[in-house]
């Protein structure tokens, strides 16, 4: 929100500047800062999305590992039962 306010203020100053007058170094820096802040906000949003996706992936991986472990246990039990049945 603060970045938007600064951007709006910088835009307002640019509109108030007389036609043909070069922007001051301060205005240039303010505009550059507003752009960098916008990029930062965008990157923070992307980072948050990637972190959420990573957490979801970890949860899914753990779930699949548990299912694999259960399936392996069931296969081992079936193998033992088969051997008992075959030998009787």
Foldseek 3Di string as FASTA:
>chain_A
DVLVVLCVVLVVVVVVDDPPDDDDPVSVVSNVVSVVVVVVVVVVVVVVVVVVVVVVVVVVVVVVVVVVVVVVVVVVVVVVVVVVVVVD
